[in-house]
Protein backbone atom coordinates (compact mmCIF):
# COMPACT_ATOMS: atom_id res chain seq x y z
CA MET A 1 120.60 79.83 89.31
CA PHE A 2 119.56 78.58 85.86
CA THR A 3 116.01 77.19 85.70
CA ILE A 4 114.32 75.24 82.93
CA THR A 5 110.79 76.58 82.73
CA PRO A 6 107.80 74.23 82.22
CA THR A 7 106.96 75.10 78.61
CA VAL A 8 110.58 74.95 77.49
CA ARG A 9 110.99 71.62 79.26
CA ASN A 10 107.91 70.20 77.56
CA LEU A 11 109.03 71.44 74.15
CA LEU A 12 112.45 69.88 74.68
CA ILE A 13 110.83 66.57 75.65
CA ILE A 14 108.50 66.58 72.63
CA ASN A 15 111.35 67.31 70.24
CA LEU A 16 113.54 64.70 71.92
CA LEU A 17 110.86 62.00 71.70
CA ILE A 18 110.27 62.71 68.01
CA PHE A 19 114.01 62.71 67.30
CA LEU A 20 114.59 59.44 69.18
CA SER A 21 111.58 57.78 67.52
CA ALA A 22 112.83 58.77 64.09
CA THR A 23 116.34 57.53 64.89
CA PHE A 24 115.45 54.25 66.61
CA PHE A 25 112.75 53.15 64.18
CA HIS A 26 114.38 54.69 61.08
CA TRP A 27 111.34 56.86 60.48
CA GLU A 28 113.33 59.86 59.25
CA ASN A 29 112.10 59.73 55.66
CA LEU A 30 108.55 58.79 56.65
CA LEU A 31 108.19 61.66 59.12
CA VAL A 32 109.82 64.21 56.82
CA ASN A 33 107.66 63.21 53.86
CA LEU A 34 104.45 63.35 55.91
CA PHE A 35 105.08 66.26 58.25
CA GLY A 36 107.80 68.37 56.63
CA LEU A 37 106.72 71.60 54.95
CA ARG A 38 106.24 71.13 51.21
CA TYR A 39 106.27 73.77 48.51
CA ILE A 40 102.84 75.36 48.60
CA PHE A 41 102.07 74.38 44.97
CA SER A 42 103.30 70.83 45.40
CA PRO A 43 100.54 68.19 45.21
CA ASP A 44 101.89 66.85 48.52
CA PHE A 45 101.40 70.13 50.42
CA GLN A 46 99.04 69.95 53.40
CA ALA A 47 98.07 72.85 55.67
CA TYR A 48 98.97 70.92 58.84
CA GLN A 49 102.60 70.91 57.69
CA LEU A 50 102.83 74.57 58.72
CA LEU A 51 102.62 73.32 62.31
CA THR A 52 104.33 69.95 62.20
CA TYR A 53 107.49 70.87 60.28
CA MET A 54 108.97 72.75 63.25
CA PHE A 55 109.06 69.62 65.41
CA LEU A 56 111.19 67.57 63.01
CA GLN A 57 114.94 67.34 63.56
CA VAL A 58 116.30 64.20 61.94
CA SER A 59 120.05 64.75 62.25
CA PHE A 60 121.83 64.99 65.59
CA GLY A 61 123.59 68.24 64.72
CA HIS A 62 120.32 69.86 63.66
CA PHE A 63 118.56 68.64 66.79
CA PHE A 64 121.37 69.54 69.19
CA GLY A 65 121.90 73.06 67.84
CA ASN A 66 118.23 74.01 67.89
CA MET A 67 117.50 72.49 71.28
CA LEU A 68 120.62 74.05 72.81
CA ALA A 69 119.41 77.49 71.75
CA LEU A 70 115.92 76.76 73.11
CA PHE A 71 117.46 75.50 76.37
CA PHE A 72 119.50 78.66 76.97
CA PHE A 73 117.27 81.43 75.61
CA GLY A 74 113.76 80.03 75.98
CA PRO A 75 113.49 80.05 79.80
CA ILE A 76 114.38 83.74 80.04
CA LEU A 77 111.62 84.63 77.60
CA GLU A 78 109.12 82.33 79.31
CA MET A 79 109.88 83.89 82.70
CA THR A 80 109.40 87.34 81.14
CA TRP A 81 106.23 86.62 79.18
CA GLY A 82 104.65 83.74 81.06
CA ALA A 83 104.02 80.23 79.76
CA LYS A 84 100.98 80.96 77.56
CA ARG A 85 102.52 83.89 75.75
CA PHE A 86 105.81 82.09 75.23
CA LEU A 87 104.05 79.04 73.79
CA PHE A 88 101.98 81.29 71.54
CA TYR A 89 105.14 83.03 70.34
CA TYR A 90 106.86 79.69 69.70
CA LEU A 91 104.02 78.23 67.64
CA ALA A 92 102.94 81.46 65.95
CA THR A 93 106.42 82.39 64.76
CA GLY A 94 106.97 78.86 63.46
CA MET A 95 103.71 78.87 61.50
CA ALA A 96 104.12 82.44 60.28
CA ALA A 97 107.68 81.67 59.20
CA GLY A 98 106.31 78.72 57.25
CA VAL A 99 103.86 80.99 55.42
CA ILE A 100 106.51 83.64 54.73
CA TYR A 101 109.02 81.07 53.54
CA SER A 102 106.41 79.50 51.26
CA GLY A 103 106.10 82.89 49.58
CA VAL A 104 109.88 83.16 49.31
CA SER A 105 110.04 79.65 47.84
CA TYR A 106 107.55 80.66 45.17
CA LEU A 107 109.70 83.66 44.25
CA GLN A 108 112.73 81.37 44.03
CA ILE A 109 111.13 78.48 42.16
CA ALA A 110 109.00 80.39 39.63
CA PRO A 111 112.08 81.81 37.82
CA VAL A 112 113.57 78.30 37.62
CA GLN A 113 110.36 77.01 36.04
CA ASN A 114 110.34 79.93 33.59
CA ALA A 115 114.00 79.37 32.71
CA ALA A 116 113.31 75.68 32.19
CA GLN A 117 110.42 76.46 29.86
CA THR A 118 112.67 78.82 27.91
CA TYR A 119 115.26 76.06 27.61
CA TYR A 120 112.70 73.51 26.43
CA GLU A 121 111.87 75.92 23.61
CA GLN A 122 115.52 76.72 22.79
CA PRO A 123 117.61 73.69 23.81
CA THR A 124 121.08 74.85 22.79
CA PRO A 125 124.35 73.89 24.50
CA GLU A 126 124.87 77.51 25.55
CA ASN A 127 121.43 77.74 27.16
CA PHE A 128 121.90 74.40 28.92
CA ASP A 129 125.26 75.43 30.35
CA GLU A 130 123.79 78.76 31.51
CA PHE A 131 120.85 77.03 33.20
CA MET A 132 123.06 74.50 34.95
CA ALA A 133 125.49 77.15 36.17
CA LYS A 134 122.70 79.24 37.64
CA TYR A 135 120.30 76.72 39.12
CA ALA A 136 122.01 73.37 39.59
CA ARG A 137 124.40 71.92 42.07
CA ARG A 138 127.59 71.09 40.28
CA LEU A 139 127.58 67.70 38.61
CA HIS A 140 130.67 65.53 38.61
CA VAL A 141 133.08 67.79 36.71
CA GLU A 142 134.43 65.06 34.44
CA ASN A 143 130.98 63.81 33.42
CA TYR A 144 129.60 67.29 32.95
CA SER A 145 132.58 68.42 30.91
CA ARG A 146 132.35 65.32 28.73
CA PHE A 147 128.62 65.83 28.15
CA MET A 148 129.06 69.51 27.30
CA ALA A 149 131.91 68.76 24.89
CA GLU A 150 129.75 66.19 23.10
CA PHE A 151 126.69 68.47 23.13
CA GLU A 152 128.66 71.41 21.72
CA ALA A 153 130.06 69.18 18.99
CA ASN A 154 126.57 67.83 18.17
CA PRO A 155 124.07 70.59 19.05
CA ASN A 156 121.35 69.06 16.86
CA SER A 157 121.55 65.58 18.36
CA GLN A 158 118.04 64.71 19.51
CA GLU A 159 119.43 62.19 21.97
CA LEU A 160 121.62 64.83 23.65
CA ILE A 161 118.82 67.40 23.58
CA ASN A 162 116.45 64.96 25.26
CA SER A 163 119.08 64.08 27.85
CA SER A 164 119.67 67.76 28.63
CA LYS A 165 115.92 68.34 28.97
CA GLU A 166 115.70 65.43 31.39
CA ASN A 167 118.44 67.01 33.49
CA VAL A 168 116.66 70.36 33.51
CA ASN A 169 113.36 68.71 34.43
CA GLU A 170 115.04 66.81 37.29
CA ILE A 171 116.36 70.08 38.70
CA VAL A 172 112.95 71.77 38.54
CA THR A 173 111.29 68.73 40.11
CA SER A 174 113.88 68.56 42.90
CA LYS A 175 113.25 72.21 43.79
CA ILE A 176 109.47 71.72 43.81
CA ASN A 177 109.90 68.62 45.99
CA THR A 178 112.20 70.32 48.49
CA ILE A 179 110.99 69.75 52.05
CA THR A 180 111.62 72.21 54.88
CA TYR A 181 111.78 70.96 58.45
CA GLY A 182 113.27 71.78 61.82
CA ALA A 183 112.93 74.38 64.57
CA SER A 184 115.54 76.74 63.13
CA ALA A 185 113.00 79.39 62.12
CA VAL A 186 111.55 79.36 65.65
CA VAL A 187 115.02 79.50 67.17
CA PHE A 188 115.84 82.58 65.12
CA ALA A 189 112.57 84.14 66.29
CA ILE A 190 113.59 83.38 69.89
CA LEU A 191 117.02 84.93 69.34
CA LEU A 192 115.38 88.00 67.83
CA ALA A 193 113.05 88.37 70.82
CA PHE A 194 115.95 87.97 73.25
CA ALA A 195 117.92 90.69 71.46
CA VAL A 196 114.92 93.04 71.43
CA LEU A 197 114.09 92.54 75.11
CA PHE A 198 117.66 92.30 76.38
CA PRO A 199 119.81 94.07 73.77
CA ASP A 200 122.78 94.70 76.05
CA ARG A 201 122.82 91.29 77.75
CA MET A 202 126.25 89.72 77.29
CA ILE A 203 126.41 86.31 75.62
CA TYR A 204 129.58 84.29 76.02
CA LEU A 205 130.39 82.35 72.89
CA LEU A 206 132.21 79.04 72.84
CA ILE A 207 133.80 79.52 69.40
CA PRO A 208 135.42 82.00 69.42
CA PRO A 209 135.49 82.29 73.25
CA ILE A 210 134.48 85.94 73.48
CA PRO A 211 131.60 87.90 75.04
CA ILE A 212 129.25 89.81 72.75
CA LYS A 213 126.06 91.78 73.32
CA ALA A 214 122.86 90.06 72.24
CA LYS A 215 121.93 92.81 69.78
CA TYR A 216 125.25 92.48 67.96
CA LEU A 217 125.20 88.70 67.88
CA VAL A 218 121.68 88.53 66.46
CA GLY A 219 122.44 91.36 64.05
CA LEU A 220 125.46 89.47 62.72
CA TYR A 221 123.43 86.27 62.45
CA GLY A 222 120.74 88.07 60.48
CA ALA A 223 123.24 89.78 58.19
CA TYR A 224 124.97 86.49 57.42
CA GLU A 225 121.68 84.72 56.69
CA LEU A 226 120.64 87.53 54.34
CA TYR A 227 124.00 87.43 52.55
CA ALA A 228 123.93 83.65 52.18
CA GLY A 229 120.31 83.69 51.03
CA ILE A 230 120.92 86.33 48.37
CA LYS A 231 124.12 84.62 47.21
CA ALA A 232 122.05 81.48 46.59
CA ASN A 233 124.93 79.06 46.21
CA PRO A 234 123.49 75.98 44.44
CA ASP A 235 125.62 73.73 46.68
CA ASP A 236 124.24 75.30 49.88
CA ILE A 237 121.36 73.19 51.25
CA VAL A 238 120.62 75.47 54.24
CA ALA A 239 117.27 77.31 54.05
CA HIS A 240 118.65 80.73 54.97
CA PHE A 241 115.43 82.53 54.08
CA ALA A 242 113.53 80.20 56.42
CA HIS A 243 115.73 81.49 59.25
CA LEU A 244 115.08 85.07 58.18
CA SER A 245 111.36 84.28 57.94
CA GLY A 246 111.47 83.29 61.61
CA MET A 247 113.13 86.56 62.54
CA LEU A 248 110.61 88.55 60.50
CA ALA A 249 107.67 86.68 62.04
CA GLY A 250 109.07 87.33 65.51
CA TYR A 251 109.60 91.00 64.76
CA LEU A 252 106.03 91.45 63.51
CA ILE A 253 104.56 89.79 66.60
CA LEU A 254 106.75 91.85 68.94
CA ARG A 255 105.78 95.06 67.14
CA TYR A 256 102.11 94.15 67.45
CA TRP A 257 102.47 93.52 71.18
CA LYS A 258 104.27 96.82 71.63
CA LYS A 259 101.56 98.67 69.72
CA GLN A 260 98.83 97.02 71.79
CA ASN A 261 100.45 97.14 75.22
CA GLY A 262 103.22 99.71 75.00
CA HIS A 263 105.91 97.07 75.53
CA PHE A 264 107.15 93.82 73.95
CA TYR A 265 105.22 91.48 76.24
């Protein structure tokens, strides 16, 4: 018989209350701006965000997916580890994932800042088009094509150069001001732990409706997140490396426990 363990139940309640408060009182932007995880070199970064970001789910799909995974996989881990160790794992992987992802964000944003600086020094139509193709979400095709045609016809126009620099600066600023939030990193750490402890446990998927061993499911998840993260589609707003950061944080904690105790708990 399926049992919801105390810590999982309390975590579900906390996340539900925050989600409902944000929805009812329209606090989504307020909570995200205050408690979401900022880029570590942003002036708005605060250390407490490494803890608070994991409790923010402001869309129903985001909330439902993360809490569903916690509901199904969390109790098994809590019954295996005990409440204190499970809670430690939940919070520690979330915070560690935040630290790891902050490092990844730096590695992603620093090249954009360098490329922007290069463009400011050499603001040609070719360099602008190259920057936009590599780092920007696609603008409205008609407007972008019209601007590029005019810029290529008038490469020395100070007005067009200034406009292009403003666009580049907006892109850099938007990346620096990106806010990470949600329990996805923790959920991926939970999935990783489940696959390590119960690698051959069968999981029955809804879509497609097939059974698959935990180790294969989590392996496929990780491979997809790595592929999507490396591909770095400018139109993709999912923080794939945050998910991988959760898996890495979980793996490091599990390895430490195994080294200390001879097993993963």
